[in-house]
Amino acid sequence: MGAILVYGAELKAVPEVAGGLFGLISGLLILGILLHLSGYLEKALGKTGLNILSKISGLVLSAMAAEIVLTGITGFIASTGLSGA
């Protein structure tokens, strides 16, 4: 949710916004399909596969959180003029 807000704030032109909306809608559709097929995926992946996916999704979420925090810190420093340059 936060990543969508951060990335959405950077979209200025109409084609960029349209591309962002297309990405959001396609992501929601893919998520809906995966949730619908989750029982089959659970059987196919097994316990080990689910543990691996859990670790990978945690890693991706951590990277996105770090990017959001660093972007906020960079923006704050730039807005206060503390950058020294």
PDB file of N, CA and C in Angstrom:
ATOM      1  N   MET A   1       0.820  -1.187   0.000  1.00  0.00           N
ATOM      2  CA  MET A   1       0.000   0.000   0.000  1.00  0.00           C
ATOM      3  C   MET A   1       0.872   1.263   0.000  1.00  0.00           C
ATOM      4  N   GLY A   2       1.858   1.273   0.877  1.00  0.00           N
ATOM      5  CA  GLY A   2       2.755   2.426   0.937  1.00  0.00           C
ATOM      6  C   GLY A   2       3.560   2.594  -0.322  1.00  0.00           C
ATOM      7  N   ALA A   3       3.985   1.481  -0.906  1.00  0.00           N
ATOM      8  CA  ALA A   3       4.758   1.560  -2.149  1.00  0.00           C
ATOM      9  C   ALA A   3       3.922   2.154  -3.262  1.00  0.00           C
ATOM     10  N   ILE A   4       2.671   1.793  -3.323  1.00  0.00           N
ATOM     11  CA  ILE A   4       1.774   2.343  -4.346  1.00  0.00           C
ATOM     12  C   ILE A   4       1.635   3.847  -4.161  1.00  0.00           C
ATOM     13  N   LEU A   5       1.522   4.298  -2.912  1.00  0.00           N
ATOM     14  CA  LEU A   5       1.408   5.735  -2.664  1.00  0.00           C
ATOM     15  C   LEU A   5       2.677   6.475  -3.055  1.00  0.00           C
ATOM     16  N   VAL A   6       3.826   5.896  -2.709  1.00  0.00           N
ATOM     17  CA  VAL A   6       5.096   6.561  -3.040  1.00  0.00           C
ATOM     18  C   VAL A   6       5.295   6.606  -4.540  1.00  0.00           C
ATOM     19  N   TYR A   7       5.101   5.478  -5.205  1.00  0.00           N
ATOM     20  CA  TYR A   7       5.299   5.446  -6.653  1.00  0.00           C
ATOM     21  C   TYR A   7       4.236   6.289  -7.368  1.00  0.00           C
ATOM     22  N   GLY A   8       3.012   6.280  -6.873  1.00  0.00           N
ATOM     23  CA  GLY A   8       1.950   7.057  -7.495  1.00  0.00           C
ATOM     24  C   GLY A   8       2.183   8.547  -7.408  1.00  0.00           C
ATOM     25  N   ALA A   9       2.838   8.998  -6.343  1.00  0.00           N
ATOM     26  CA  ALA A   9       3.118  10.427  -6.190  1.00  0.00           C
ATOM     27  C   ALA A   9       4.142  10.909  -7.202  1.00  0.00           C
ATOM     28  N   GLU A  10       4.942   9.998  -7.741  1.00  0.00           N
ATOM     29  CA  GLU A  10       5.973  10.372  -8.705  1.00  0.00           C
ATOM     30  C   GLU A  10       5.444  10.418 -10.137  1.00  0.00           C
ATOM     31  N   LEU A  11       4.239   9.927 -10.372  1.00  0.00           N
ATOM     32  CA  LEU A  11       3.680   9.908 -11.721  1.00  0.00           C
ATOM     33  C   LEU A  11       3.038  11.255 -12.018  1.00  0.00           C
ATOM     34  N   LYS A  12       3.497  11.912 -13.067  1.00  0.00           N
ATOM     35  CA  LYS A  12       3.004  13.256 -13.383  1.00  0.00           C
ATOM     36  C   LYS A  12       2.202  13.293 -14.687  1.00  0.00           C
ATOM     37  N   ALA A  13       2.724  12.724 -15.770  1.00  0.00           N
ATOM     38  CA  ALA A  13       2.070  12.823 -17.075  1.00  0.00           C
ATOM     39  C   ALA A  13       0.942  11.790 -17.175  1.00  0.00           C
ATOM     40  N   VAL A  14       0.011  12.056 -18.083  1.00  0.00           N
ATOM     41  CA  VAL A  14      -1.141  11.174 -18.273  1.00  0.00           C
ATOM     42  C   VAL A  14      -0.727   9.762 -18.676  1.00  0.00           C
ATOM     43  N   PRO A  15       0.221   9.575 -19.603  1.00  0.00           N
ATOM     44  CA  PRO A  15       0.621   8.203 -19.931  1.00  0.00           C
ATOM     45  C   PRO A  15       1.226   7.455 -18.739  1.00  0.00           C
ATOM     46  N   GLU A  16       1.956   8.173 -17.890  1.00  0.00           N
ATOM     47  CA  GLU A  16       2.523   7.538 -16.707  1.00  0.00           C
ATOM     48  C   GLU A  16       1.430   7.097 -15.742  1.00  0.00           C
ATOM     49  N   VAL A  17       0.435   7.943 -15.546  1.00  0.00           N
ATOM     50  CA  VAL A  17      -0.676   7.604 -14.658  1.00  0.00           C
ATOM     51  C   VAL A  17      -1.462   6.431 -15.236  1.00  0.00           C
ATOM     52  N   ALA A  18      -1.689   6.439 -16.558  1.00  0.00           N
ATOM     53  CA  ALA A  18      -2.411   5.330 -17.195  1.00  0.00           C
ATOM     54  C   ALA A  18      -1.623   4.030 -17.045  1.00  0.00           C
ATOM     55  N   GLY A  19      -0.317   4.092 -17.220  1.00  0.00           N
ATOM     56  CA  GLY A  19       0.510   2.909 -17.032  1.00  0.00           C
ATOM     57  C   GLY A  19       0.484   2.425 -15.596  1.00  0.00           C
ATOM     58  N   GLY A  20       0.497   3.352 -14.652  1.00  0.00           N
ATOM     59  CA  GLY A  20       0.409   3.001 -13.236  1.00  0.00           C
ATOM     60  C   GLY A  20      -0.911   2.340 -12.893  1.00  0.00           C
ATOM     61  N   LEU A  21      -1.996   2.893 -13.432  1.00  0.00           N
ATOM     62  CA  LEU A  21      -3.314   2.290 -13.194  1.00  0.00           C
ATOM     63  C   LEU A  21      -3.405   0.907 -13.822  1.00  0.00           C
ATOM     64  N   PHE A  22      -2.842   0.769 -15.026  1.00  0.00           N
ATOM     65  CA  PHE A  22      -2.840  -0.544 -15.680  1.00  0.00           C
ATOM     66  C   PHE A  22      -2.061  -1.558 -14.842  1.00  0.00           C
ATOM     67  N   GLY A  23      -0.921  -1.144 -14.321  1.00  0.00           N
ATOM     68  CA  GLY A  23      -0.126  -2.026 -13.470  1.00  0.00           C
ATOM     69  C   GLY A  23      -0.850  -2.407 -12.196  1.00  0.00           C
ATOM     70  N   LEU A  24      -1.527  -1.431 -11.588  1.00  0.00           N
ATOM     71  CA  LEU A  24      -2.283  -1.691 -10.368  1.00  0.00           C
ATOM     72  C   LEU A  24      -3.425  -2.667 -10.613  1.00  0.00           C
ATOM     73  N   ILE A  25      -4.184  -2.432 -11.679  1.00  0.00           N
ATOM     74  CA  ILE A  25      -5.327  -3.298 -11.988  1.00  0.00           C
ATOM     75  C   ILE A  25      -4.861  -4.691 -12.369  1.00  0.00           C
ATOM     76  N   SER A  26      -3.797  -4.793 -13.168  1.00  0.00           N
ATOM     77  CA  SER A  26      -3.308  -6.122 -13.545  1.00  0.00           C
ATOM     78  C   SER A  26      -2.753  -6.854 -12.324  1.00  0.00           C
ATOM     79  N   GLY A  27      -2.099  -6.136 -11.419  1.00  0.00           N
ATOM     80  CA  GLY A  27      -1.619  -6.754 -10.183  1.00  0.00           C
ATOM     81  C   GLY A  27      -2.753  -7.280  -9.330  1.00  0.00           C
ATOM     82  N   LEU A  28      -3.833  -6.492  -9.244  1.00  0.00           N
ATOM     83  CA  LEU A  28      -4.997  -6.944  -8.480  1.00  0.00           C
ATOM     84  C   LEU A  28      -5.647  -8.173  -9.109  1.00  0.00           C
ATOM     85  N   LEU A  29      -5.717  -8.199 -10.436  1.00  0.00           N
ATOM     86  CA  LEU A  29      -6.292  -9.374 -11.111  1.00  0.00           C
ATOM     87  C   LEU A  29      -5.438 -10.620 -10.882  1.00  0.00           C
ATOM     88  N   ILE A  30      -4.130 -10.472 -11.005  1.00  0.00           N
ATOM     89  CA  ILE A  30      -3.240 -11.613 -10.778  1.00  0.00           C
ATOM     90  C   ILE A  30      -3.344 -12.084  -9.334  1.00  0.00           C
ATOM     91  N   LEU A  31      -3.417 -11.150  -8.395  1.00  0.00           N
ATOM     92  CA  LEU A  31      -3.568 -11.513  -6.988  1.00  0.00           C
ATOM     93  C   LEU A  31      -4.883 -12.263  -6.759  1.00  0.00           C
ATOM     94  N   GLY A  32      -5.954 -11.794  -7.373  1.00  0.00           N
ATOM     95  CA  GLY A  32      -7.244 -12.477  -7.245  1.00  0.00           C
ATOM     96  C   GLY A  32      -7.193 -13.895  -7.795  1.00  0.00           C
ATOM     97  N   ILE A  33      -6.540 -14.061  -8.938  1.00  0.00           N
ATOM     98  CA  ILE A  33      -6.410 -15.399  -9.530  1.00  0.00           C
ATOM     99  C   ILE A  33      -5.588 -16.311  -8.621  1.00  0.00           C
ATOM    100  N   LEU A  34      -4.479 -15.777  -8.091  1.00  0.00           N
ATOM    101  CA  LEU A  34      -3.646 -16.582  -7.190  1.00  0.00           C
ATOM    102  C   LEU A  34      -4.385 -16.955  -5.913  1.00  0.00           C
ATOM    103  N   LEU A  35      -5.173 -16.031  -5.372  1.00  0.00           N
ATOM    104  CA  LEU A  35      -5.960 -16.354  -4.183  1.00  0.00           C
ATOM    105  C   LEU A  35      -7.008 -17.409  -4.488  1.00  0.00           C
ATOM    106  N   HIS A  36      -7.590 -17.336  -5.663  1.00  0.00           N
ATOM    107  CA  HIS A  36      -8.590 -18.328  -6.071  1.00  0.00           C
ATOM    108  C   HIS A  36      -7.964 -19.717  -6.220  1.00  0.00           C
ATOM    109  N   LEU A  37      -6.741 -19.755  -6.709  1.00  0.00           N
ATOM    110  CA  LEU A  37      -6.044 -21.022  -6.933  1.00  0.00           C
ATOM    111  C   LEU A  37      -5.141 -21.409  -5.762  1.00  0.00           C
ATOM    112  N   SER A  38      -5.270 -20.747  -4.627  1.00  0.00           N
ATOM    113  CA  SER A  38      -4.333 -20.955  -3.527  1.00  0.00           C
ATOM    114  C   SER A  38      -4.327 -22.387  -3.003  1.00  0.00           C
ATOM    115  N   GLY A  39      -5.464 -23.050  -2.991  1.00  0.00           N
ATOM    116  CA  GLY A  39      -5.500 -24.433  -2.531  1.00  0.00           C
ATOM    117  C   GLY A  39      -4.661 -25.342  -3.409  1.00  0.00           C
ATOM    118  N   TYR A  40      -4.778 -25.147  -4.714  1.00  0.00           N
ATOM    119  CA  TYR A  40      -3.987 -25.939  -5.650  1.00  0.00           C
ATOM    120  C   TYR A  40      -2.497 -25.611  -5.535  1.00  0.00           C
ATOM    121  N   LEU A  41      -2.193 -24.332  -5.379  1.00  0.00           N
ATOM    122  CA  LEU A  41      -0.792 -23.928  -5.247  1.00  0.00           C
ATOM    123  C   LEU A  41      -0.173 -24.491  -3.969  1.00  0.00           C
ATOM    124  N   GLU A  42      -0.944 -24.530  -2.901  1.00  0.00           N
ATOM    125  CA  GLU A  42      -0.440 -25.071  -1.642  1.00  0.00           C
ATOM    126  C   GLU A  42      -0.097 -26.553  -1.787  1.00  0.00           C
ATOM    127  N   LYS A  43      -0.946 -27.280  -2.468  1.00  0.00           N
ATOM    128  CA  LYS A  43      -0.671 -28.703  -2.690  1.00  0.00           C
ATOM    129  C   LYS A  43       0.536 -28.892  -3.605  1.00  0.00           C
ATOM    130  N   ALA A  44       0.660 -28.058  -4.633  1.00  0.00           N
ATOM    131  CA  ALA A  44       1.748 -28.209  -5.603  1.00  0.00           C
ATOM    132  C   ALA A  44       3.104 -27.829  -4.999  1.00  0.00           C
ATOM    133  N   LEU A  45       3.141 -26.773  -4.185  1.00  0.00           N
ATOM    134  CA  LEU A  45       4.408 -26.297  -3.631  1.00  0.00           C
ATOM    135  C   LEU A  45       4.867 -27.104  -2.422  1.00  0.00           C
ATOM    136  N   GLY A  46       3.934 -27.563  -1.640  1.00  0.00           N
ATOM    137  CA  GLY A  46       4.293 -28.286  -0.424  1.00  0.00           C
ATOM    138  C   GLY A  46       4.762 -27.346   0.669  1.00  0.00           C
ATOM    139  N   LYS A  47       5.087 -27.944   1.819  1.00  0.00           N
ATOM    140  CA  LYS A  47       5.472 -27.130   2.975  1.00  0.00           C
ATOM    141  C   LYS A  47       6.795 -26.393   2.731  1.00  0.00           C
ATOM    142  N   THR A  48       7.773 -27.057   2.138  1.00  0.00           N
ATOM    143  CA  THR A  48       9.070 -26.436   1.884  1.00  0.00           C
ATOM    144  C   THR A  48       8.940 -25.281   0.886  1.00  0.00           C
ATOM    145  N   GLY A  49       8.177 -25.485  -0.173  1.00  0.00           N
ATOM    146  CA  GLY A  49       7.975 -24.432  -1.160  1.00  0.00           C
ATOM    147  C   GLY A  49       7.290 -23.215  -0.570  1.00  0.00           C
ATOM    148  N   LEU A  50       6.322 -23.443   0.312  1.00  0.00           N
ATOM    149  CA  LEU A  50       5.643 -22.321   0.964  1.00  0.00           C
ATOM    150  C   LEU A  50       6.587 -21.567   1.897  1.00  0.00           C
ATOM    151  N   ASN A  51       7.454 -22.296   2.580  1.00  0.00           N
ATOM    152  CA  ASN A  51       8.445 -21.626   3.442  1.00  0.00           C
ATOM    153  C   ASN A  51       9.403 -20.781   2.618  1.00  0.00           C
ATOM    154  N   ILE A  52       9.826 -21.296   1.474  1.00  0.00           N
ATOM    155  CA  ILE A  52      10.726 -20.541   0.601  1.00  0.00           C
ATOM    156  C   ILE A  52      10.038 -19.282   0.088  1.00  0.00           C
ATOM    157  N   LEU A  53       8.797 -19.415  -0.368  1.00  0.00           N
ATOM    158  CA  LEU A  53       8.055 -18.236  -0.848  1.00  0.00           C
ATOM    159  C   LEU A  53       7.848 -17.218   0.257  1.00  0.00           C
ATOM    160  N   SER A  54       7.631 -17.688   1.481  1.00  0.00           N
ATOM    161  CA  SER A  54       7.470 -16.782   2.611  1.00  0.00           C
ATOM    162  C   SER A  54       8.746 -15.979   2.846  1.00  0.00           C
ATOM    163  N   LYS A  55       9.897 -16.638   2.763  1.00  0.00           N
ATOM    164  CA  LYS A  55      11.175 -15.944   2.962  1.00  0.00           C
ATOM    165  C   LYS A  55      11.429 -14.934   1.835  1.00  0.00           C
ATOM    166  N   ILE A  56      11.137 -15.328   0.607  1.00  0.00           N
ATOM    167  CA  ILE A  56      11.359 -14.428  -0.534  1.00  0.00           C
ATOM    168  C   ILE A  56      10.451 -13.215  -0.446  1.00  0.00           C
ATOM    169  N   SER A  57       9.179 -13.417  -0.095  1.00  0.00           N
ATOM    170  CA  SER A  57       8.260 -12.280  -0.008  1.00  0.00           C
ATOM    171  C   SER A  57       8.662 -11.353   1.131  1.00  0.00           C
ATOM    172  N   GLY A  58       9.180 -11.908   2.232  1.00  0.00           N
ATOM    173  CA  GLY A  58       9.684 -11.066   3.320  1.00  0.00           C
ATOM    174  C   GLY A  58      10.878 -10.235   2.895  1.00  0.00           C
ATOM    175  N   LEU A  59      11.745 -10.831   2.092  1.00  0.00           N
ATOM    176  CA  LEU A  59      12.915 -10.110   1.582  1.00  0.00           C
ATOM    177  C   LEU A  59      12.498  -8.960   0.669  1.00  0.00           C
ATOM    178  N   VAL A  60      11.550  -9.220  -0.218  1.00  0.00           N
ATOM    179  CA  VAL A  60      11.057  -8.179  -1.132  1.00  0.00           C
ATOM    180  C   VAL A  60      10.380  -7.065  -0.334  1.00  0.00           C
ATOM    181  N   LEU A  61       9.575  -7.428   0.652  1.00  0.00           N
ATOM    182  CA  LEU A  61       8.896  -6.426   1.472  1.00  0.00           C
ATOM    183  C   LEU A  61       9.904  -5.577   2.240  1.00  0.00           C
ATOM    184  N   SER A  62      10.957  -6.200   2.759  1.00  0.00           N
ATOM    185  CA  SER A  62      12.000  -5.451   3.473  1.00  0.00           C
ATOM    186  C   SER A  62      12.715  -4.474   2.542  1.00  0.00           C
ATOM    187  N   ALA A  63      12.996  -4.903   1.319  1.00  0.00           N
ATOM    188  CA  ALA A  63      13.659  -4.021   0.358  1.00  0.00           C
ATOM    189  C   ALA A  63      12.769  -2.830   0.007  1.00  0.00           C
ATOM    190  N   MET A  64      11.480  -3.077  -0.170  1.00  0.00           N
ATOM    191  CA  MET A  64      10.555  -1.974  -0.469  1.00  0.00           C
ATOM    192  C   MET A  64      10.466  -1.011   0.711  1.00  0.00           C
ATOM    193  N   ALA A  65      10.424  -1.540   1.930  1.00  0.00           N
ATOM    194  CA  ALA A  65      10.356  -0.683   3.115  1.00  0.00           C
ATOM    195  C   ALA A  65      11.614   0.168   3.233  1.00  0.00           C
ATOM    196  N   ALA A  66      12.777  -0.433   2.982  1.00  0.00           N
ATOM    197  CA  ALA A  66      14.022   0.327   3.050  1.00  0.00           C
ATOM    198  C   ALA A  66      14.042   1.441   2.008  1.00  0.00           C
ATOM    199  N   GLU A  67      13.551   1.132   0.808  1.00  0.00           N
ATOM    200  CA  GLU A  67      13.516   2.150  -0.240  1.00  0.00           C
ATOM    201  C   GLU A  67      12.597   3.306   0.138  1.00  0.00           C
ATOM    202  N   ILE A  68      11.452   3.002   0.717  1.00  0.00           N
ATOM    203  CA  ILE A  68      10.513   4.051   1.121  1.00  0.00           C
ATOM    204  C   ILE A  68      11.115   4.922   2.213  1.00  0.00           C
ATOM    205  N   VAL A  69      11.762   4.300   3.208  1.00  0.00           N
ATOM    206  CA  VAL A  69      12.374   5.056   4.293  1.00  0.00           C
ATOM    207  C   VAL A  69      13.502   5.939   3.763  1.00  0.00           C
ATOM    208  N   LEU A  70      14.370   5.375   2.931  1.00  0.00           N
ATOM    209  CA  LEU A  70      15.488   6.162   2.398  1.00  0.00           C
ATOM    210  C   LEU A  70      15.011   7.292   1.492  1.00  0.00           C
ATOM    211  N   THR A  71      13.956   7.054   0.730  1.00  0.00           N
ATOM    212  CA  THR A  71      13.380   8.121  -0.099  1.00  0.00           C
ATOM    213  C   THR A  71      12.836   9.239   0.781  1.00  0.00           C
ATOM    214  N   GLY A  72      12.190   8.877   1.874  1.00  0.00           N
ATOM    215  CA  GLY A  72      11.675   9.883   2.806  1.00  0.00           C
ATOM    216  C   GLY A  72      12.778  10.682   3.463  1.00  0.00           C
ATOM    217  N   ILE A  73      13.838  10.006   3.873  1.00  0.00           N
ATOM    218  CA  ILE A  73      14.964  10.699   4.497  1.00  0.00           C
ATOM    219  C   ILE A  73      15.636  11.636   3.493  1.00  0.00           C
ATOM    220  N   THR A  74      15.825  11.151   2.261  1.00  0.00           N
ATOM    221  CA  THR A  74      16.441  11.972   1.216  1.00  0.00           C
ATOM    222  C   THR A  74      15.584  13.208   0.939  1.00  0.00           C
ATOM    223  N   GLY A  75      14.266  13.015   0.847  1.00  0.00           N
ATOM    224  CA  GLY A  75      13.372  14.142   0.610  1.00  0.00           C
ATOM    225  C   GLY A  75      13.378  15.141   1.758  1.00  0.00           C
ATOM    226  N   PHE A  76      13.438  14.615   2.969  1.00  0.00           N
ATOM    227  CA  PHE A  76      13.481  15.504   4.142  1.00  0.00           C
ATOM    228  C   PHE A  76      14.764  16.324   4.147  1.00  0.00           C
ATOM    229  N   ILE A  77      15.887  15.669   3.888  1.00  0.00           N
ATOM    230  CA  ILE A  77      17.171  16.382   3.869  1.00  0.00           C
ATOM    231  C   ILE A  77      17.181  17.429   2.766  1.00  0.00           C
ATOM    232  N   ALA A  78      16.658  17.070   1.599  1.00  0.00           N
ATOM    233  CA  ALA A  78      16.614  18.025   0.492  1.00  0.00           C
ATOM    234  C   ALA A  78      15.699  19.224   0.814  1.00  0.00           C
ATOM    235  N   SER A  79      14.592  18.973   1.495  1.00  0.00           N
ATOM    236  CA  SER A  79      13.651  20.065   1.780  1.00  0.00           C
ATOM    237  C   SER A  79      14.146  20.998   2.880  1.00  0.00           C
ATOM    238  N   THR A  80      14.988  20.484   3.770  1.00  0.00           N
ATOM    239  CA  THR A  80      15.485  21.340   4.855  1.00  0.00           C
ATOM    240  C   THR A  80      16.797  22.024   4.517  1.00  0.00           C
ATOM    241  N   GLY A  81      17.415  21.605   3.428  1.00  0.00           N
ATOM    242  CA  GLY A  81      18.681  22.216   3.019  1.00  0.00           C
ATOM    243  C   GLY A  81      19.862  21.751   3.841  1.00  0.00           C
ATOM    244  N   LEU A  82      19.761  20.587   4.451  1.00  0.00           N
ATOM    245  CA  LEU A  82      20.849  20.062   5.278  1.00  0.00           C
ATOM    246  C   LEU A  82      21.885  19.290   4.489  1.00  0.00           C
ATOM    247  N   SER A  83      21.705  19.212   3.167  1.00  0.00           N
ATOM    248  CA  SER A  83      22.587  18.377   2.353  1.00  0.00           C
ATOM    249  C   SER A  83      24.001  18.944   2.263  1.00  0.00           C
ATOM    250  N   GLY A  84      24.205  20.202   2.510  1.00  0.00           N
ATOM    251  CA  GLY A  84      25.528  20.803   2.482  1.00  0.00           C
ATOM    252  C   GLY A  84      26.003  21.174   1.102  1.00  0.00           C
ATOM    253  N   ALA A  85      25.246  20.867   0.092  1.00  0.00           N
ATOM    254  CA  ALA A  85      25.689  21.178  -1.275  1.00  0.00           C
ATOM    255  C   ALA A  85      24.951  22.379  -1.823  1.00  0.00           C
TER     256      ALA A  85
END
